[in-house]
Amino acid sequence: MFFTHGTADRIAPYDGGEVKAFSLSGRGSGISIDASVAIWRELAGLTAPPATHLYPHLQARDPTSATRMTWGAAPAQLQIELLRIDGGGHTGSSRCEKPGLLTERTDRQDES
């Protein structure tokens, strides 16, 4: 299971809460990304702390940073992975996609 999410996402908040896009409200609410990861870790029986990797900055002017956390040591078996973009907003993680209407601040840390 792979999660990627920006901590500054104002549309689908990292810490959970109301899902909203600009003036559109009534879109429901969600739980935090950490709570979502915890549910999947519990289901998978992955209780050990994650292996953590902090990506180096690719551009000095980029205010975001990226951290990858992986639960489950064997790649051939079940793993839970979170790519957290600190300071990153609501955007896709593909460098091939053009930013859409609901795109917020992102970084290019995931392109390495």
C-alpha atoms as a PDB file:
ATOM      1  CA  MET A   1       0.000   0.000   0.000  1.00  0.00           C
ATOM      2  CA  PHE A   2       1.454   3.373  -1.010  1.00  0.00           C
ATOM      3  CA  PHE A   3       0.383   6.762   0.332  1.00  0.00           C
ATOM      4  CA  THR A   4       1.694  10.123  -0.826  1.00  0.00           C
ATOM      5  CA  HIS A   5       0.401  13.335   0.683  1.00  0.00           C
ATOM      6  CA  GLY A   6       1.409  16.939   1.316  1.00  0.00           C
ATOM      7  CA  THR A   7       1.195  18.320   4.835  1.00  0.00           C
ATOM      8  CA  ALA A   8      -0.052  21.691   3.540  1.00  0.00           C
ATOM      9  CA  ASP A   9      -2.888  20.208   1.452  1.00  0.00           C
ATOM     10  CA  ARG A  10      -5.863  22.543   1.941  1.00  0.00           C
ATOM     11  CA  ILE A  11      -8.250  20.420  -0.143  1.00  0.00           C
ATOM     12  CA  ALA A  12      -7.765  17.027   1.557  1.00  0.00           C
ATOM     13  CA  PRO A  13      -6.028  18.007   4.824  1.00  0.00           C
ATOM     14  CA  TYR A  14      -3.121  15.833   5.985  1.00  0.00           C
ATOM     15  CA  ASP A  15      -4.447  15.932   9.556  1.00  0.00           C
ATOM     16  CA  GLY A  16      -7.964  15.057   8.434  1.00  0.00           C
ATOM     17  CA  GLY A  17     -11.094  17.151   8.557  1.00  0.00           C
ATOM     18  CA  GLU A  18     -13.349  18.779   6.025  1.00  0.00           C
ATOM     19  CA  VAL A  19     -12.570  18.150   2.362  1.00  0.00           C
ATOM     20  CA  LYS A  20     -12.957  21.409   0.473  1.00  0.00           C
ATOM     21  CA  ALA A  21     -11.907  23.064  -2.728  1.00  0.00           C
ATOM     22  CA  PHE A  22     -11.968  26.835  -2.786  1.00  0.00           C
ATOM     23  CA  SER A  23     -15.630  27.807  -2.338  1.00  0.00           C
ATOM     24  CA  LEU A  24     -16.925  24.234  -2.713  1.00  0.00           C
ATOM     25  CA  SER A  25     -18.020  22.896   0.647  1.00  0.00           C
ATOM     26  CA  GLY A  26     -20.080  19.945   1.794  1.00  0.00           C
ATOM     27  CA  ARG A  27     -17.612  17.486   0.250  1.00  0.00           C
ATOM     28  CA  GLY A  28     -17.454  15.403   3.443  1.00  0.00           C
ATOM     29  CA  SER A  29     -14.541  14.813   5.762  1.00  0.00           C
ATOM     30  CA  GLY A  30     -11.670  12.404   6.061  1.00  0.00           C
ATOM     31  CA  ILE A  31      -9.387  10.965   8.684  1.00  0.00           C
ATOM     32  CA  SER A  32      -5.742  11.941   8.867  1.00  0.00           C
ATOM     33  CA  ILE A  33      -3.115  10.309   6.689  1.00  0.00           C
ATOM     34  CA  ASP A  34      -1.360   9.033   9.819  1.00  0.00           C
ATOM     35  CA  ALA A  35      -4.607   7.387  10.962  1.00  0.00           C
ATOM     36  CA  SER A  36      -5.104   5.875   7.483  1.00  0.00           C
ATOM     37  CA  VAL A  37      -1.581   4.446   7.537  1.00  0.00           C
ATOM     38  CA  ALA A  38      -2.134   3.105  11.066  1.00  0.00           C
ATOM     39  CA  ILE A  39      -5.285   1.233   9.954  1.00  0.00           C
ATOM     40  CA  TRP A  40      -3.430  -0.465   7.103  1.00  0.00           C
ATOM     41  CA  ARG A  41      -0.421  -1.241   9.329  1.00  0.00           C
ATOM     42  CA  GLU A  42      -2.706  -2.872  11.885  1.00  0.00           C
ATOM     43  CA  LEU A  43      -4.431  -4.949   9.201  1.00  0.00           C
ATOM     44  CA  ALA A  44      -1.040  -6.029   7.846  1.00  0.00           C
ATOM     45  CA  GLY A  45       0.442  -6.755  11.289  1.00  0.00           C
ATOM     46  CA  LEU A  46       3.310  -4.311  10.709  1.00  0.00           C
ATOM     47  CA  THR A  47       4.010  -3.030  14.221  1.00  0.00           C
ATOM     48  CA  ALA A  48       7.756  -2.292  14.012  1.00  0.00           C
ATOM     49  CA  PRO A  49       8.938   1.298  13.459  1.00  0.00           C
ATOM     50  CA  PRO A  50       9.421   2.295   9.813  1.00  0.00           C
ATOM     51  CA  ALA A  51      12.605   2.593   7.843  1.00  0.00           C
ATOM     52  CA  THR A  52      12.823   6.334   7.177  1.00  0.00           C
ATOM     53  CA  HIS A  53      14.545   8.160   4.334  1.00  0.00           C
ATOM     54  CA  LEU A  54      14.757  11.959   4.101  1.00  0.00           C
ATOM     55  CA  TYR A  55      15.269  13.016   0.491  1.00  0.00           C
ATOM     56  CA  PRO A  56      17.869  15.721  -0.150  1.00  0.00           C
ATOM     57  CA  HIS A  57      16.677  19.006  -1.623  1.00  0.00           C
ATOM     58  CA  LEU A  58      17.040  19.162  -5.393  1.00  0.00           C
ATOM     59  CA  GLN A  59      16.467  22.912  -5.559  1.00  0.00           C
ATOM     60  CA  ALA A  60      17.625  25.320  -2.838  1.00  0.00           C
ATOM     61  CA  ARG A  61      14.620  27.624  -3.382  1.00  0.00           C
ATOM     62  CA  ASP A  62      12.143  24.766  -2.835  1.00  0.00           C
ATOM     63  CA  PRO A  63      10.455  25.250   0.587  1.00  0.00           C
ATOM     64  CA  THR A  64       9.223  21.658   0.730  1.00  0.00           C
ATOM     65  CA  SER A  65      10.947  18.461   1.814  1.00  0.00           C
ATOM     66  CA  ALA A  66      10.103  14.800   1.325  1.00  0.00           C
ATOM     67  CA  THR A  67      10.311  11.892   3.763  1.00  0.00           C
ATOM     68  CA  ARG A  68       9.641   8.254   2.890  1.00  0.00           C
ATOM     69  CA  MET A  69       8.577   5.865   5.647  1.00  0.00           C
ATOM     70  CA  THR A  70       8.364   2.141   4.901  1.00  0.00           C
ATOM     71  CA  TRP A  71       6.867  -0.483   7.211  1.00  0.00           C
ATOM     72  CA  GLY A  72       7.741  -4.077   6.369  1.00  0.00           C
ATOM     73  CA  ALA A  73      11.346  -5.013   5.667  1.00  0.00           C
ATOM     74  CA  ALA A  74      10.834  -7.498   2.815  1.00  0.00           C
ATOM     75  CA  PRO A  75      10.024  -5.913  -0.573  1.00  0.00           C
ATOM     76  CA  ALA A  76       8.653  -9.237  -1.847  1.00  0.00           C
ATOM     77  CA  GLN A  77       6.123  -9.223   0.986  1.00  0.00           C
ATOM     78  CA  LEU A  78       3.501  -6.742   2.128  1.00  0.00           C
ATOM     79  CA  GLN A  79       4.776  -3.231   2.805  1.00  0.00           C
ATOM     80  CA  ILE A  80       3.105   0.016   3.750  1.00  0.00           C
ATOM     81  CA  GLU A  81       4.824   3.139   2.488  1.00  0.00           C
ATOM     82  CA  LEU A  82       4.151   6.828   3.084  1.00  0.00           C
ATOM     83  CA  LEU A  83       5.815   9.563   1.054  1.00  0.00           C
ATOM     84  CA  ARG A  84       5.138  12.696   3.106  1.00  0.00           C
ATOM     85  CA  ILE A  85       5.750  16.033   1.399  1.00  0.00           C
ATOM     86  CA  ASP A  86       6.329  18.539   4.222  1.00  0.00           C
ATOM     87  CA  GLY A  87       4.972  21.888   3.088  1.00  0.00           C
ATOM     88  CA  GLY A  88       3.466  20.339  -0.053  1.00  0.00           C
ATOM     89  CA  GLY A  89      -0.068  20.999  -1.200  1.00  0.00           C
ATOM     90  CA  HIS A  90      -2.666  19.163  -3.280  1.00  0.00           C
ATOM     91  CA  THR A  91      -1.120  17.877  -6.495  1.00  0.00           C
ATOM     92  CA  GLY A  92      -0.380  14.736  -8.440  1.00  0.00           C
ATOM     93  CA  SER A  93       2.977  13.031  -8.090  1.00  0.00           C
ATOM     94  CA  SER A  94       3.701  12.587 -11.788  1.00  0.00           C
ATOM     95  CA  ARG A  95       6.131  14.835 -13.583  1.00  0.00           C
ATOM     96  CA  CYS A  96       4.322  13.934 -16.822  1.00  0.00           C
ATOM     97  CA  GLU A  97       0.980  15.418 -15.733  1.00  0.00           C
ATOM     98  CA  LYS A  98       0.264  19.083 -16.190  1.00  0.00           C
ATOM     99  CA  PRO A  99      -0.953  20.913 -13.058  1.00  0.00           C
ATOM    100  CA  GLY A 100      -4.718  21.058 -12.856  1.00  0.00           C
ATOM    101  CA  LEU A 101      -7.185  23.546 -11.465  1.00  0.00           C
ATOM    102  CA  LEU A 102      -6.914  22.154  -7.922  1.00  0.00           C
ATOM    103  CA  THR A 103      -3.112  21.989  -7.848  1.00  0.00           C
ATOM    104  CA  GLU A 104      -1.274  23.576  -4.927  1.00  0.00           C
ATOM    105  CA  ARG A 105       2.411  23.870  -4.007  1.00  0.00           C
ATOM    106  CA  THR A 106       4.486  20.784  -4.665  1.00  0.00           C
ATOM    107  CA  ASP A 107       8.098  19.785  -4.905  1.00  0.00           C
ATOM    108  CA  ARG A 108      10.113  17.611  -7.237  1.00  0.00           C
ATOM    109  CA  GLN A 109      11.663  15.467  -4.506  1.00  0.00           C
ATOM    110  CA  ASP A 110       9.802  12.391  -5.801  1.00  0.00           C
ATOM    111  CA  GLU A 111      11.528  12.601  -9.192  1.00  0.00           C
ATOM    112  CA  SER A 112      14.862  11.267  -7.968  1.00  0.00           C
END
